[in-house]
Amino acid sequence: MDRRDYLAVGASVGAAAMSGCSSFFAAAETPKPSVPSDRLESGGWEQSGENSGTVLEESYGPVTLQAVQHTLQYQDVALQQTVADRTLGRMETALSVWFASRIDFSPNLDNLPAGVGQAQIVDQVQANARDQFEQQMENQGLTSIERTGTGSVDIDTGETAETVNLGAVYPFEGISFDISETESVEIPPTDIGISAILAVWHHGDYVLVSGGAYPEENFEQSIDSDLSEGISVTVDIDLGLEPEAYREEVRSLVAGVQ
């Protein structure tokens, strides 16, 4: 089936000096986030997108804050192939997606002017990142995206990232299997629950954002169909999804970003 496949601060310096700093920053490309490549490869993940650009530009008196991001997006292609195989190619979608972003600041995030705190900036980062992440989820056909809570995750480099937990659904549209020229078995539409986390933390002189979405439940159905007075068939469908394993994998991928 085919469906639509988601942070300007600085020290108190002269306006001219700040202008020159911002111009240099804008001309430079923000480095990619460092991602746990071995974990991604062994888990069957493949890069599906990459983008960069200015995500925040705001004036605080004579100082203009600029934030530029570099984002890498991935899909669990191994899981996608497994689901396709188990549905005879009738269901082809990336039920698990993941991303990592590095956000650099000019001026440096550690040199904030009076009245502007890191927490304020990180809150802006989180709001922007959530919007982008939700768009990524929507592009994979996920709907009914909502915030379900908060939490934290320990990062491999020693920081603790605050997380926002999200819920969504993948609206499975159903499958029809032909039994004969005139008869078929219908697997009715249903929703597959999806969980997601979005983590934001301050690392060195930049901010990192990472998150992922994954199935929160397995999909199983048993369909009985009478093809004639003398023939009845039962079709069992089991995608073999492992929600707890996906949750731990996504959190491990987030923890490995730096």
C-alpha atoms as a PDB file:
ATOM      1  CA  MET A   1       0.000   0.000   0.000  1.00  0.00           C
ATOM      2  CA  ASP A   2       1.211   3.543  -0.660  1.00  0.00           C
ATOM      3  CA  ARG A   3       0.866   6.355   1.901  1.00  0.00           C
ATOM      4  CA  ARG A   4       2.649   9.702   2.268  1.00  0.00           C
ATOM      5  CA  ASP A   5       6.182   8.458   2.691  1.00  0.00           C
ATOM      6  CA  TYR A   6       9.311  15.678  10.667  1.00  0.00           C
ATOM      7  CA  LEU A   7      16.555  26.678  18.096  1.00  0.00           C
ATOM      8  CA  ALA A   8      20.026  33.740  18.970  1.00  0.00           C
ATOM      9  CA  VAL A   9      22.099  34.623  21.870  1.00  0.00           C
ATOM     10  CA  GLY A  10      25.612  35.907  22.668  1.00  0.00           C
ATOM     11  CA  ALA A  11      27.922  37.886  24.987  1.00  0.00           C
ATOM     12  CA  SER A  12      27.543  41.661  25.214  1.00  0.00           C
ATOM     13  CA  VAL A  13      29.577  42.734  22.225  1.00  0.00           C
ATOM     14  CA  GLY A  14      29.305  45.488  19.697  1.00  0.00           C
ATOM     15  CA  ALA A  15      26.725  45.149  16.969  1.00  0.00           C
ATOM     16  CA  ALA A  16      29.344  45.339  14.226  1.00  0.00           C
ATOM     17  CA  ALA A  17      31.450  42.571  15.739  1.00  0.00           C
ATOM     18  CA  MET A  18      28.380  40.410  16.186  1.00  0.00           C
ATOM     19  CA  SER A  19      27.310  40.990  12.629  1.00  0.00           C
ATOM     20  CA  GLY A  20      30.648  39.774  11.375  1.00  0.00           C
ATOM     21  CA  CYS A  21      30.497  36.677  13.569  1.00  0.00           C
ATOM     22  CA  SER A  22      27.021  35.769  12.387  1.00  0.00           C
ATOM     23  CA  SER A  23      27.976  36.183   8.757  1.00  0.00           C
ATOM     24  CA  PHE A  24      30.901  33.818   9.146  1.00  0.00           C
ATOM     25  CA  PHE A  25      28.724  31.311  10.967  1.00  0.00           C
ATOM     26  CA  ALA A  26      26.042  31.425   8.320  1.00  0.00           C
ATOM     27  CA  ALA A  27      28.631  30.732   5.644  1.00  0.00           C
ATOM     28  CA  ALA A  28      29.956  27.657   7.450  1.00  0.00           C
ATOM     29  CA  GLU A  29      28.222  24.314   7.296  1.00  0.00           C
ATOM     30  CA  THR A  30      27.209  22.794  10.603  1.00  0.00           C
ATOM     31  CA  PRO A  31      28.890  19.392  11.032  1.00  0.00           C
ATOM     32  CA  LYS A  32      26.782  16.279  10.915  1.00  0.00           C
ATOM     33  CA  PRO A  33      25.831  14.723  14.237  1.00  0.00           C
ATOM     34  CA  SER A  34      27.942  11.704  15.111  1.00  0.00           C
ATOM     35  CA  VAL A  35      25.608   8.705  15.023  1.00  0.00           C
ATOM     36  CA  PRO A  36      26.161   5.114  16.255  1.00  0.00           C
ATOM     37  CA  SER A  37      26.862   3.672  12.814  1.00  0.00           C
ATOM     38  CA  ASP A  38      27.596   0.120  14.033  1.00  0.00           C
ATOM     39  CA  ARG A  39      24.250  -0.065  15.870  1.00  0.00           C
ATOM     40  CA  LEU A  40      22.409   1.313  12.870  1.00  0.00           C
ATOM     41  CA  GLU A  41      24.040  -1.109  10.461  1.00  0.00           C
ATOM     42  CA  SER A  42      23.550  -4.179  12.647  1.00  0.00           C
ATOM     43  CA  GLY A  43      19.910  -3.210  13.207  1.00  0.00           C
ATOM     44  CA  GLY A  44      19.131  -2.939   9.521  1.00  0.00           C
ATOM     45  CA  TRP A  45      18.700   0.834   9.460  1.00  0.00           C
ATOM     46  CA  GLU A  46      19.434   2.854   6.331  1.00  0.00           C
ATOM     47  CA  GLN A  47      19.708   6.614   5.862  1.00  0.00           C
ATOM     48  CA  SER A  48      16.600   8.010   4.211  1.00  0.00           C
ATOM     49  CA  GLY A  49      17.246  11.751   4.299  1.00  0.00           C
ATOM     50  CA  GLU A  50      19.611  14.587   5.185  1.00  0.00           C
ATOM     51  CA  ASN A  51      19.046  18.315   5.518  1.00  0.00           C
ATOM     52  CA  SER A  52      20.648  21.411   7.017  1.00  0.00           C
ATOM     53  CA  GLY A  53      19.856  25.086   7.427  1.00  0.00           C
ATOM     54  CA  THR A  54      18.981  27.895   9.798  1.00  0.00           C
ATOM     55  CA  VAL A  55      16.328  26.929  12.319  1.00  0.00           C
ATOM     56  CA  LEU A  56      16.359  30.039  14.524  1.00  0.00           C
ATOM     57  CA  GLU A  57      17.367  33.670  14.059  1.00  0.00           C
ATOM     58  CA  GLU A  58      16.278  36.126  16.726  1.00  0.00           C
ATOM     59  CA  SER A  59      17.485  39.478  18.095  1.00  0.00           C
ATOM     60  CA  TYR A  60      18.179  40.171  21.774  1.00  0.00           C
ATOM     61  CA  GLY A  61      18.929  43.912  21.835  1.00  0.00           C
ATOM     62  CA  PRO A  62      22.075  44.471  19.729  1.00  0.00           C
ATOM     63  CA  VAL A  63      22.792  40.741  19.607  1.00  0.00           C
ATOM     64  CA  THR A  64      21.367  38.418  17.000  1.00  0.00           C
ATOM     65  CA  LEU A  65      21.231  34.738  17.794  1.00  0.00           C
ATOM     66  CA  GLN A  66      21.445  32.262  14.936  1.00  0.00           C
ATOM     67  CA  ALA A  67      21.105  28.505  15.128  1.00  0.00           C
ATOM     68  CA  VAL A  68      21.918  26.158  12.264  1.00  0.00           C
ATOM     69  CA  GLN A  69      21.115  22.460  12.221  1.00  0.00           C
ATOM     70  CA  HIS A  70      22.284  19.381  10.370  1.00  0.00           C
ATOM     71  CA  THR A  71      19.888  16.428  10.469  1.00  0.00           C
ATOM     72  CA  LEU A  72      20.207  12.786   9.418  1.00  0.00           C
ATOM     73  CA  GLN A  73      17.106  10.612   9.020  1.00  0.00           C
ATOM     74  CA  TYR A  74      16.893   6.812   8.980  1.00  0.00           C
ATOM     75  CA  GLN A  75      14.385   4.027   8.408  1.00  0.00           C
ATOM     76  CA  ASP A  76      14.429   0.475   9.763  1.00  0.00           C
ATOM     77  CA  VAL A  77      14.625  -1.159   6.359  1.00  0.00           C
ATOM     78  CA  ALA A  78      15.060  -4.631   7.848  1.00  0.00           C
ATOM     79  CA  LEU A  79      11.752  -4.330   9.704  1.00  0.00           C
ATOM     80  CA  GLN A  80      10.099  -2.883   6.623  1.00  0.00           C
ATOM     81  CA  GLN A  81      11.193  -5.877   4.552  1.00  0.00           C
ATOM     82  CA  THR A  82      10.041  -8.332   7.228  1.00  0.00           C
ATOM     83  CA  VAL A  83       6.567  -6.796   7.288  1.00  0.00           C
ATOM     84  CA  ALA A  84       6.406  -6.822   3.493  1.00  0.00           C
ATOM     85  CA  ASP A  85       7.421 -10.481   3.356  1.00  0.00           C
ATOM     86  CA  ARG A  86       4.858 -11.499   5.969  1.00  0.00           C
ATOM     87  CA  THR A  87       2.064  -9.747   4.081  1.00  0.00           C
ATOM     88  CA  LEU A  88       3.089 -11.022   0.646  1.00  0.00           C
ATOM     89  CA  GLY A  89       4.150  -7.523  -0.362  1.00  0.00           C
ATOM     90  CA  ARG A  90       0.788  -5.981   0.479  1.00  0.00           C
ATOM     91  CA  MET A  91       2.096  -3.804   3.330  1.00  0.00           C
ATOM     92  CA  GLU A  92       5.246  -1.830   2.577  1.00  0.00           C
ATOM     93  CA  THR A  93       5.940   0.963   5.026  1.00  0.00           C
ATOM     94  CA  ALA A  94       8.669   1.984   7.489  1.00  0.00           C
ATOM     95  CA  LEU A  95       6.992   1.408  10.850  1.00  0.00           C
ATOM     96  CA  SER A  96      10.219   2.459  12.629  1.00  0.00           C
ATOM     97  CA  VAL A  97      11.970   5.769  11.858  1.00  0.00           C
ATOM     98  CA  TRP A  98      14.815   7.594  13.650  1.00  0.00           C
ATOM     99  CA  PHE A  99      16.752  10.849  13.318  1.00  0.00           C
ATOM    100  CA  ALA A 100      19.611  12.827  14.864  1.00  0.00           C
ATOM    101  CA  SER A 101      20.295  16.584  14.640  1.00  0.00           C
ATOM    102  CA  ARG A 102      23.233  18.762  15.665  1.00  0.00           C
ATOM    103  CA  ILE A 103      22.440  22.430  16.279  1.00  0.00           C
ATOM    104  CA  ASP A 104      25.261  24.999  16.408  1.00  0.00           C
ATOM    105  CA  PHE A 105      24.877  28.556  17.702  1.00  0.00           C
ATOM    106  CA  SER A 106      26.334  31.948  16.961  1.00  0.00           C
ATOM    107  CA  PRO A 107      27.231  33.368  19.400  1.00  0.00           C
ATOM    108  CA  ASN A 108      28.208  30.384  21.498  1.00  0.00           C
ATOM    109  CA  LEU A 109      25.445  28.938  23.668  1.00  0.00           C
ATOM    110  CA  ASP A 110      27.675  29.232  26.755  1.00  0.00           C
ATOM    111  CA  ASN A 111      28.001  33.024  26.272  1.00  0.00           C
ATOM    112  CA  LEU A 112      24.429  34.191  26.731  1.00  0.00           C
ATOM    113  CA  PRO A 113      23.503  37.839  27.300  1.00  0.00           C
ATOM    114  CA  ALA A 114      21.802  38.860  30.543  1.00  0.00           C
ATOM    115  CA  GLY A 115      18.189  37.768  30.646  1.00  0.00           C
ATOM    116  CA  VAL A 116      18.593  34.888  28.211  1.00  0.00           C
ATOM    117  CA  GLY A 117      19.108  31.415  29.648  1.00  0.00           C
ATOM    118  CA  GLN A 118      20.053  28.096  28.146  1.00  0.00           C
ATOM    119  CA  ALA A 119      16.762  26.564  29.264  1.00  0.00           C
ATOM    120  CA  GLN A 120      14.863  29.168  27.254  1.00  0.00           C
ATOM    121  CA  ILE A 121      16.836  28.362  24.136  1.00  0.00           C
ATOM    122  CA  VAL A 122      16.589  24.599  24.596  1.00  0.00           C
ATOM    123  CA  ASP A 123      12.812  24.941  24.967  1.00  0.00           C
ATOM    124  CA  GLN A 124      12.739  26.688  21.592  1.00  0.00           C
ATOM    125  CA  VAL A 125      14.913  23.938  20.145  1.00  0.00           C
ATOM    126  CA  GLN A 126      12.600  21.248  21.450  1.00  0.00           C
ATOM    127  CA  ALA A 127       9.499  22.896  20.019  1.00  0.00           C
ATOM    128  CA  ASN A 128      11.131  23.244  16.611  1.00  0.00           C
ATOM    129  CA  ALA A 129      12.469  19.687  16.678  1.00  0.00           C
ATOM    130  CA  ARG A 130       9.091  18.269  17.657  1.00  0.00           C
ATOM    131  CA  ASP A 131       7.458  19.980  14.689  1.00  0.00           C
ATOM    132  CA  GLN A 132      10.044  18.499  12.319  1.00  0.00           C
ATOM    133  CA  PHE A 133       9.832  15.045  13.884  1.00  0.00           C
ATOM    134  CA  GLU A 134       6.048  15.000  13.657  1.00  0.00           C
ATOM    135  CA  GLN A 135       6.345  15.918   9.991  1.00  0.00           C
ATOM    136  CA  GLN A 136       8.738  12.996   9.462  1.00  0.00           C
ATOM    137  CA  MET A 137       6.213  10.697  11.152  1.00  0.00           C
ATOM    138  CA  GLU A 138       3.382  12.035   9.007  1.00  0.00           C
ATOM    139  CA  ASN A 139       5.476  11.452   5.895  1.00  0.00           C
ATOM    140  CA  GLN A 140       5.515   7.763   6.840  1.00  0.00           C
ATOM    141  CA  GLY A 141       1.734   7.674   7.007  1.00  0.00           C
ATOM    142  CA  LEU A 142       1.386   8.005  10.791  1.00  0.00           C
ATOM    143  CA  THR A 143      -1.645   9.875  12.120  1.00  0.00           C
ATOM    144  CA  SER A 144      -3.201  11.012  15.423  1.00  0.00           C
ATOM    145  CA  ILE A 145       0.180  12.164  16.761  1.00  0.00           C
ATOM    146  CA  GLU A 146      -0.040  13.414  20.351  1.00  0.00           C
ATOM    147  CA  ARG A 147       2.134  13.994  23.402  1.00  0.00           C
ATOM    148  CA  THR A 148       1.756  11.232  25.979  1.00  0.00           C
ATOM    149  CA  GLY A 149       4.295  12.193  28.664  1.00  0.00           C
ATOM    150  CA  THR A 150       7.885  13.061  29.502  1.00  0.00           C
ATOM    151  CA  GLY A 151      10.943  11.177  30.665  1.00  0.00           C
ATOM    152  CA  SER A 152      14.698  10.992  30.290  1.00  0.00           C
ATOM    153  CA  VAL A 153      17.425   8.889  28.723  1.00  0.00           C
ATOM    154  CA  ASP A 154      21.067   8.504  29.771  1.00  0.00           C
ATOM    155  CA  ILE A 155      23.455   9.436  26.966  1.00  0.00           C
ATOM    156  CA  ASP A 156      26.653   7.481  26.386  1.00  0.00           C
ATOM    157  CA  THR A 157      28.745  10.667  26.763  1.00  0.00           C
ATOM    158  CA  GLY A 158      27.456  11.193  30.337  1.00  0.00           C
ATOM    159  CA  GLU A 159      24.625  13.676  29.883  1.00  0.00           C
ATOM    160  CA  THR A 160      20.989  13.004  30.703  1.00  0.00           C
ATOM    161  CA  ALA A 161      18.575  14.063  27.992  1.00  0.00           C
ATOM    162  CA  GLU A 162      15.015  15.096  28.706  1.00  0.00           C
ATOM    163  CA  THR A 163      12.509  13.349  26.490  1.00  0.00           C
ATOM    164  CA  VAL A 164       9.007  13.961  25.230  1.00  0.00           C
ATOM    165  CA  ASN A 165       6.978  10.825  24.632  1.00  0.00           C
ATOM    166  CA  LEU A 166       4.577  10.713  21.699  1.00  0.00           C
ATOM    167  CA  GLY A 167       1.885   8.361  20.520  1.00  0.00           C
ATOM    168  CA  ALA A 168       0.512   7.834  17.021  1.00  0.00           C
ATOM    169  CA  VAL A 169      -1.195   5.240  14.871  1.00  0.00           C
ATOM    170  CA  TYR A 170      -0.464   3.649  11.550  1.00  0.00           C
ATOM    171  CA  PRO A 171      -3.844   3.229   9.829  1.00  0.00           C
ATOM    172  CA  PHE A 172      -3.479  -0.198   8.251  1.00  0.00           C
ATOM    173  CA  GLU A 173      -5.822  -0.138   5.274  1.00  0.00           C
ATOM    174  CA  GLY A 174      -6.513  -3.844   5.083  1.00  0.00           C
ATOM    175  CA  ILE A 175      -5.502  -6.594   2.676  1.00  0.00           C
ATOM    176  CA  SER A 176      -7.424  -8.677   0.183  1.00  0.00           C
ATOM    177  CA  PHE A 177      -6.188 -12.155  -0.737  1.00  0.00           C
ATOM    178  CA  ASP A 178      -7.647 -13.794  -3.811  1.00  0.00           C
ATOM    179  CA  ILE A 179      -8.599 -17.415  -3.245  1.00  0.00           C
ATOM    180  CA  SER A 180     -10.121 -17.996  -6.661  1.00  0.00           C
ATOM    181  CA  GLU A 181     -11.256 -15.934  -9.626  1.00  0.00           C
ATOM    182  CA  THR A 182     -14.434 -14.986  -7.784  1.00  0.00           C
ATOM    183  CA  GLU A 183     -13.627 -15.363  -4.093  1.00  0.00           C
ATOM    184  CA  SER A 184     -11.204 -13.532  -1.788  1.00  0.00           C
ATOM    185  CA  VAL A 185     -10.442 -13.184   1.908  1.00  0.00           C
ATOM    186  CA  GLU A 186     -10.476  -9.684   3.356  1.00  0.00           C
ATOM    187  CA  ILE A 187      -8.260  -8.570   6.253  1.00  0.00           C
ATOM    188  CA  PRO A 188     -10.161  -5.516   7.529  1.00  0.00           C
ATOM    189  CA  PRO A 189      -8.600  -2.101   8.227  1.00  0.00           C
ATOM    190  CA  THR A 190      -7.290  -1.479  11.717  1.00  0.00           C
ATOM    191  CA  ASP A 191      -4.911   0.868  13.543  1.00  0.00           C
ATOM    192  CA  ILE A 192      -1.432  -0.201  14.633  1.00  0.00           C
ATOM    193  CA  GLY A 193      -0.268   1.733  17.714  1.00  0.00           C
ATOM    194  CA  ILE A 194       3.036   3.612  17.433  1.00  0.00           C
ATOM    195  CA  SER A 195       5.213   5.022  20.245  1.00  0.00           C
ATOM    196  CA  ALA A 196       7.933   7.666  19.855  1.00  0.00           C
ATOM    197  CA  ILE A 197      10.462   9.587  21.934  1.00  0.00           C
ATOM    198  CA  LEU A 198      12.147  12.935  21.276  1.00  0.00           C
ATOM    199  CA  ALA A 199      15.317  13.765  23.262  1.00  0.00           C
ATOM    200  CA  VAL A 200      17.131  17.122  23.565  1.00  0.00           C
ATOM    201  CA  TRP A 201      20.397  17.781  25.381  1.00  0.00           C
ATOM    202  CA  HIS A 202      23.325  20.238  25.581  1.00  0.00           C
ATOM    203  CA  HIS A 203      26.651  18.685  24.545  1.00  0.00           C
ATOM    204  CA  GLY A 204      29.822  20.779  24.447  1.00  0.00           C
ATOM    205  CA  ASP A 205      28.949  24.095  22.844  1.00  0.00           C
ATOM    206  CA  TYR A 206      26.049  22.761  20.792  1.00  0.00           C
ATOM    207  CA  VAL A 207      22.698  21.030  21.225  1.00  0.00           C
ATOM    208  CA  LEU A 208      21.754  17.563  20.068  1.00  0.00           C
ATOM    209  CA  VAL A 209      18.291  16.318  19.270  1.00  0.00           C
ATOM    210  CA  SER A 210      17.361  12.757  18.492  1.00  0.00           C
ATOM    211  CA  GLY A 211      14.302  10.568  18.458  1.00  0.00           C
ATOM    212  CA  GLY A 212      12.517   7.673  16.905  1.00  0.00           C
ATOM    213  CA  ALA A 213       9.156   6.033  16.383  1.00  0.00           C
ATOM    214  CA  TYR A 214       8.396   2.308  16.531  1.00  0.00           C
ATOM    215  CA  PRO A 215       5.433  -0.096  16.813  1.00  0.00           C
ATOM    216  CA  GLU A 216       4.092  -0.322  20.349  1.00  0.00           C
ATOM    217  CA  GLU A 217       2.150  -3.528  19.723  1.00  0.00           C
ATOM    218  CA  ASN A 218       2.133  -6.579  17.526  1.00  0.00           C
ATOM    219  CA  PHE A 219      -0.435  -7.037  14.795  1.00  0.00           C
ATOM    220  CA  GLU A 220      -2.321 -10.328  14.812  1.00  0.00           C
ATOM    221  CA  GLN A 221      -5.638 -11.288  13.276  1.00  0.00           C
ATOM    222  CA  SER A 222      -7.477 -14.480  12.453  1.00  0.00           C
ATOM    223  CA  ILE A 223     -10.120 -14.289   9.725  1.00  0.00           C
ATOM    224  CA  ASP A 224     -12.710 -16.981   9.024  1.00  0.00           C
ATOM    225  CA  SER A 225     -14.322 -16.854   5.610  1.00  0.00           C
ATOM    226  CA  ASP A 226     -16.960 -19.069   4.006  1.00  0.00           C
ATOM    227  CA  LEU A 227     -16.166 -19.425   0.323  1.00  0.00           C
ATOM    228  CA  SER A 228     -19.072 -21.709  -0.401  1.00  0.00           C
ATOM    229  CA  GLU A 229     -21.480 -23.996   1.399  1.00  0.00           C
ATOM    230  CA  GLY A 230     -18.787 -26.621   1.597  1.00  0.00           C
ATOM    231  CA  ILE A 231     -15.595 -24.632   1.855  1.00  0.00           C
ATOM    232  CA  SER A 232     -14.463 -22.370   4.666  1.00  0.00           C
ATOM    233  CA  VAL A 233     -10.984 -21.021   5.229  1.00  0.00           C
ATOM    234  CA  THR A 234      -9.128 -19.411   8.096  1.00  0.00           C
ATOM    235  CA  VAL A 235      -6.375 -16.875   7.421  1.00  0.00           C
ATOM    236  CA  ASP A 236      -4.017 -16.046  10.275  1.00  0.00           C
ATOM    237  CA  ILE A 237      -1.828 -12.944  10.034  1.00  0.00           C
ATOM    238  CA  ASP A 238       0.963 -12.270  12.533  1.00  0.00           C
ATOM    239  CA  LEU A 239       3.557  -9.590  11.774  1.00  0.00           C
ATOM    240  CA  GLY A 240       5.771 -10.793  14.638  1.00  0.00           C
ATOM    241  CA  LEU A 241       6.417  -7.267  15.892  1.00  0.00           C
ATOM    242  CA  GLU A 242       8.531  -6.918  19.062  1.00  0.00           C
ATOM    243  CA  PRO A 243       7.692  -3.550  20.688  1.00  0.00           C
ATOM    244  CA  GLU A 244      10.001  -3.822  23.716  1.00  0.00           C
ATOM    245  CA  ALA A 245      12.989  -4.689  21.509  1.00  0.00           C
ATOM    246  CA  TYR A 246      12.233  -1.715  19.226  1.00  0.00           C
ATOM    247  CA  ARG A 247      11.898   0.611  22.235  1.00  0.00           C
ATOM    248  CA  GLU A 248      15.282  -0.438  23.613  1.00  0.00           C
ATOM    249  CA  GLU A 249      16.880  -0.156  20.173  1.00  0.00           C
ATOM    250  CA  VAL A 250      15.599   3.380  19.593  1.00  0.00           C
ATOM    251  CA  ARG A 251      16.733   4.513  23.050  1.00  0.00           C
ATOM    252  CA  SER A 252      20.162   2.954  22.422  1.00  0.00           C
ATOM    253  CA  LEU A 253      20.459   4.794  19.118  1.00  0.00           C
ATOM    254  CA  VAL A 254      19.537   8.084  20.814  1.00  0.00           C
ATOM    255  CA  ALA A 255      22.070   7.429  23.598  1.00  0.00           C
ATOM    256  CA  GLY A 256      24.804   6.899  21.003  1.00  0.00           C
ATOM    257  CA  VAL A 257      24.525  10.326  19.372  1.00  0.00           C
ATOM    258  CA  GLN A 258      27.248  12.912  20.000  1.00  0.00           C
END
